[in-house]
C-alpha atoms as a PDB file:
ATOM      1  CA  UNK A   1      41.359  13.430  11.943  1.00  0.00           C
ATOM      2  CA  UNK A   2      39.953  11.489   8.998  1.00  0.00           C
ATOM      3  CA  UNK A   3      35.849  11.376   7.812  1.00  0.00           C
ATOM      4  CA  UNK A   4      34.012   8.999  10.177  1.00  0.00           C
ATOM      5  CA  UNK A   5      36.740   8.179  12.446  1.00  0.00           C
ATOM      6  CA  UNK A   6      35.872   8.114  16.049  1.00  0.00           C
ATOM      7  CA  UNK A   7      37.454  10.360  18.398  1.00  0.00           C
ATOM      8  CA  UNK A   8      39.754   9.234  21.010  1.00  0.00           C
ATOM      9  CA  UNK A   9      37.421   8.782  24.447  1.00  0.00           C
ATOM     10  CA  UNK A  10      38.505  11.036  27.461  1.00  0.00           C
ATOM     11  CA  UNK A  11      40.706   9.954  30.060  1.00  0.00           C
ATOM     12  CA  UNK A  12      41.718  10.649  33.590  1.00  0.00           C
ATOM     13  CA  UNK A  13      39.889  14.280  35.023  1.00  0.00           C
ATOM     14  CA  UNK A  14      41.821  16.639  33.011  1.00  0.00           C
ATOM     15  CA  UNK A  15      38.483  19.550  32.517  1.00  0.00           C
ATOM     16  CA  UNK A  16      36.699  18.110  34.807  1.00  0.00           C
ATOM     17  CA  UNK A  17      35.788  19.319  38.765  1.00  0.00           C
ATOM     18  CA  UNK A  18      35.785  17.105  41.535  1.00  0.00           C
ATOM     19  CA  UNK A  19      32.742  16.084  43.294  1.00  0.00           C
ATOM     20  CA  UNK A  20      32.602  14.667  46.541  1.00  0.00           C
ATOM     21  CA  UNK A  21      29.843  12.187  47.374  1.00  0.00           C
ATOM     22  CA  UNK A  22      30.066  11.749  51.472  1.00  0.00           C
ATOM     23  CA  UNK A  23      27.849   8.875  53.047  1.00  0.00           C
ATOM     24  CA  UNK A  24      27.598   8.312  56.473  1.00  0.00           C
ATOM     25  CA  UNK A  25      26.022   5.313  57.799  1.00  0.00           C
ATOM     26  CA  UNK A  26      23.731   6.214  60.652  1.00  0.00           C
ATOM     27  CA  UNK A  27      22.410   2.922  61.164  1.00  0.00           C
ATOM     28  CA  UNK A  28      23.416  -0.582  62.689  1.00  0.00           C
ATOM     29  CA  UNK A  29      24.478  -2.883  59.734  1.00  0.00           C
ATOM     30  CA  UNK A  30      27.011  -1.914  56.753  1.00  0.00           C
ATOM     31  CA  UNK A  31      25.870  -0.294  53.946  1.00  0.00           C
ATOM     32  CA  UNK A  32      27.234  -0.113  50.363  1.00  0.00           C
ATOM     33  CA  UNK A  33      27.017   2.564  47.179  1.00  0.00           C
ATOM     34  CA  UNK A  34      27.198   1.590  43.423  1.00  0.00           C
ATOM     35  CA  UNK A  35      26.543   3.071  40.378  1.00  0.00           C
ATOM     36  CA  UNK A  36      24.836   2.201  36.929  1.00  0.00           C
ATOM     37  CA  UNK A  37      27.402   3.032  34.022  1.00  0.00           C
ATOM     38  CA  UNK A  38      27.067   2.727  30.624  1.00  0.00           C
ATOM     39  CA  UNK A  39      25.425  -0.286  29.017  1.00  0.00           C
ATOM     40  CA  UNK A  40      23.890  -1.826  32.271  1.00  0.00           C
ATOM     41  CA  UNK A  41      27.016  -2.241  33.733  1.00  0.00           C
ATOM     42  CA  UNK A  42      27.863  -0.914  37.490  1.00  0.00           C
ATOM     43  CA  UNK A  43      30.552  -0.440  39.925  1.00  0.00           C
ATOM     44  CA  UNK A  44      30.822  -0.518  43.333  1.00  0.00           C
ATOM     45  CA  UNK A  45      32.009   2.316  45.093  1.00  0.00           C
ATOM     46  CA  UNK A  46      32.378   2.163  49.020  1.00  0.00           C
ATOM     47  CA  UNK A  47      30.852   0.256  51.544  1.00  0.00           C
ATOM     48  CA  UNK A  48      30.302   1.580  54.999  1.00  0.00           C
ATOM     49  CA  UNK A  49      29.914   0.368  58.614  1.00  0.00           C
ATOM     50  CA  UNK A  50      27.948   1.189  61.142  1.00  0.00           C
ATOM     51  CA  UNK A  51      28.821   4.517  62.610  1.00  0.00           C
ATOM     52  CA  UNK A  52      30.725   5.601  59.617  1.00  0.00           C
ATOM     53  CA  UNK A  53      31.019   7.444  55.971  1.00  0.00           C
ATOM     54  CA  UNK A  54      32.654   7.432  53.054  1.00  0.00           C
ATOM     55  CA  UNK A  55      33.345   9.647  50.892  1.00  0.00           C
ATOM     56  CA  UNK A  56      33.230   8.723  47.212  1.00  0.00           C
ATOM     57  CA  UNK A  57      35.712  10.506  44.584  1.00  0.00           C
ATOM     58  CA  UNK A  58      33.748  11.593  41.452  1.00  0.00           C
ATOM     59  CA  UNK A  59      34.151  14.597  38.558  1.00  0.00           C
ATOM     60  CA  UNK A  60      31.618  16.443  36.693  1.00  0.00           C
ATOM     61  CA  UNK A  61      32.260  18.263  33.360  1.00  0.00           C
ATOM     62  CA  UNK A  62      31.004  21.856  34.278  1.00  0.00           C
ATOM     63  CA  UNK A  63      29.984  22.579  30.495  1.00  0.00           C
ATOM     64  CA  UNK A  64      27.302  19.957  30.217  1.00  0.00           C
ATOM     65  CA  UNK A  65      26.649  18.523  33.881  1.00  0.00           C
ATOM     66  CA  UNK A  66      28.146  15.299  32.858  1.00  0.00           C
ATOM     67  CA  UNK A  67      28.957  13.039  36.278  1.00  0.00           C
ATOM     68  CA  UNK A  68      32.183  10.347  35.968  1.00  0.00           C
ATOM     69  CA  UNK A  69      33.798   7.983  37.980  1.00  0.00           C
ATOM     70  CA  UNK A  70      37.695   7.123  36.671  1.00  0.00           C
ATOM     71  CA  UNK A  71      38.555   3.214  36.689  1.00  0.00           C
ATOM     72  CA  UNK A  72      41.860   1.984  37.533  1.00  0.00           C
ATOM     73  CA  UNK A  73      42.940   2.615  34.067  1.00  0.00           C
ATOM     74  CA  UNK A  74      41.881   6.599  34.128  1.00  0.00           C
ATOM     75  CA  UNK A  75      38.678   5.763  31.494  1.00  0.00           C
ATOM     76  CA  UNK A  76      36.165   7.848  32.160  1.00  0.00           C
ATOM     77  CA  UNK A  77      32.702   6.031  33.475  1.00  0.00           C
ATOM     78  CA  UNK A  78      29.720   8.006  33.088  1.00  0.00           C
ATOM     79  CA  UNK A  79      27.372   7.725  35.949  1.00  0.00           C
ATOM     80  CA  UNK A  80      23.517   6.932  34.917  1.00  0.00           C
ATOM     81  CA  UNK A  81      22.476   6.294  38.783  1.00  0.00           C
ATOM     82  CA  UNK A  82      23.900   6.511  41.719  1.00  0.00           C
ATOM     83  CA  UNK A  83      22.934   4.477  44.729  1.00  0.00           C
ATOM     84  CA  UNK A  84      23.215   3.478  48.604  1.00  0.00           C
ATOM     85  CA  UNK A  85      21.617  -0.013  50.251  1.00  0.00           C
ATOM     86  CA  UNK A  86      22.101  -2.645  51.995  1.00  0.00           C
ATOM     87  CA  UNK A  87      25.240  -4.419  51.887  1.00  0.00           C
ATOM     88  CA  UNK A  88      24.102  -7.248  49.934  1.00  0.00           C
ATOM     89  CA  UNK A  89      21.266  -6.370  48.800  1.00  0.00           C
ATOM     90  CA  UNK A  90      21.992  -3.123  47.679  1.00  0.00           C
ATOM     91  CA  UNK A  91      20.057  -2.401  44.902  1.00  0.00           C
ATOM     92  CA  UNK A  92      16.750  -3.880  45.872  1.00  0.00           C
ATOM     93  CA  UNK A  93      17.227  -1.932  48.950  1.00  0.00           C
ATOM     94  CA  UNK A  94      18.361   1.040  47.602  1.00  0.00           C
ATOM     95  CA  UNK A  95      17.767   4.799  48.138  1.00  0.00           C
ATOM     96  CA  UNK A  96      19.057   6.444  44.935  1.00  0.00           C
ATOM     97  CA  UNK A  97      21.388  10.126  45.147  1.00  0.00           C
ATOM     98  CA  UNK A  98      20.375  12.789  42.756  1.00  0.00           C
ATOM     99  CA  UNK A  99      23.807  13.885  41.080  1.00  0.00           C
ATOM    100  CA  UNK A 100      23.788  17.663  39.964  1.00  0.00           C
ATOM    101  CA  UNK A 101      23.449  17.673  36.072  1.00  0.00           C
ATOM    102  CA  UNK A 102      23.361  21.129  35.107  1.00  0.00           C
ATOM    103  CA  UNK A 103      26.465  22.924  33.474  1.00  0.00           C
ATOM    104  CA  UNK A 104      27.707  25.137  35.937  1.00  0.00           C
ATOM    105  CA  UNK A 105      29.755  24.669  39.274  1.00  0.00           C
ATOM    106  CA  UNK A 106      28.064  22.533  42.011  1.00  0.00           C
ATOM    107  CA  UNK A 107      28.578  21.453  45.436  1.00  0.00           C
ATOM    108  CA  UNK A 108      29.897  18.453  47.051  1.00  0.00           C
ATOM    109  CA  UNK A 109      27.038  16.049  48.468  1.00  0.00           C
ATOM    110  CA  UNK A 110      26.468  14.771  52.366  1.00  0.00           C
ATOM    111  CA  UNK A 111      24.136  12.492  53.086  1.00  0.00           C
ATOM    112  CA  UNK A 112      23.190  10.341  56.401  1.00  0.00           C
ATOM    113  CA  UNK A 113      21.723   6.788  55.286  1.00  0.00           C
ATOM    114  CA  UNK A 114      19.651   5.456  58.007  1.00  0.00           C
ATOM    115  CA  UNK A 115      17.091   1.861  57.472  1.00  0.00           C
ATOM    116  CA  UNK A 116      13.218   2.995  56.570  1.00  0.00           C
ATOM    117  CA  UNK A 117      11.630  -0.062  56.311  1.00  0.00           C
ATOM    118  CA  UNK A 118      13.098  -2.733  54.286  1.00  0.00           C
ATOM    119  CA  UNK A 119      14.812  -0.013  52.266  1.00  0.00           C
ATOM    120  CA  UNK A 120      17.833   2.421  52.990  1.00  0.00           C
ATOM    121  CA  UNK A 121      16.792   6.772  53.019  1.00  0.00           C
ATOM    122  CA  UNK A 122      19.720   9.145  52.450  1.00  0.00           C
ATOM    123  CA  UNK A 123      18.820  11.924  52.945  1.00  0.00           C
END
């Protein structure tokens, strides 16, 4: 590669570990989950009806703890923040989901989400 040339961005899940985030909606209204990715861009990760659950497939670099979602072109989108909130107002009513950011192996995440005042609480 020539000096000063940028390396191509890594694509796909090769070298990454799967990290599943399962969200169960224990409330009576639909909820939606989303993520902020680089440059203030957000992506929708799933909507969950009352009494249902969704499993969000994510990918994690075990060497540095970075967490990604893959777009349809298999581009790695680094997740800065992950949340679930009331559908239609997910950001305003969000419950932030903490992702494992340290190098090494990480366990899958399972949460139950329910209304907590105007916001959603996921534990």
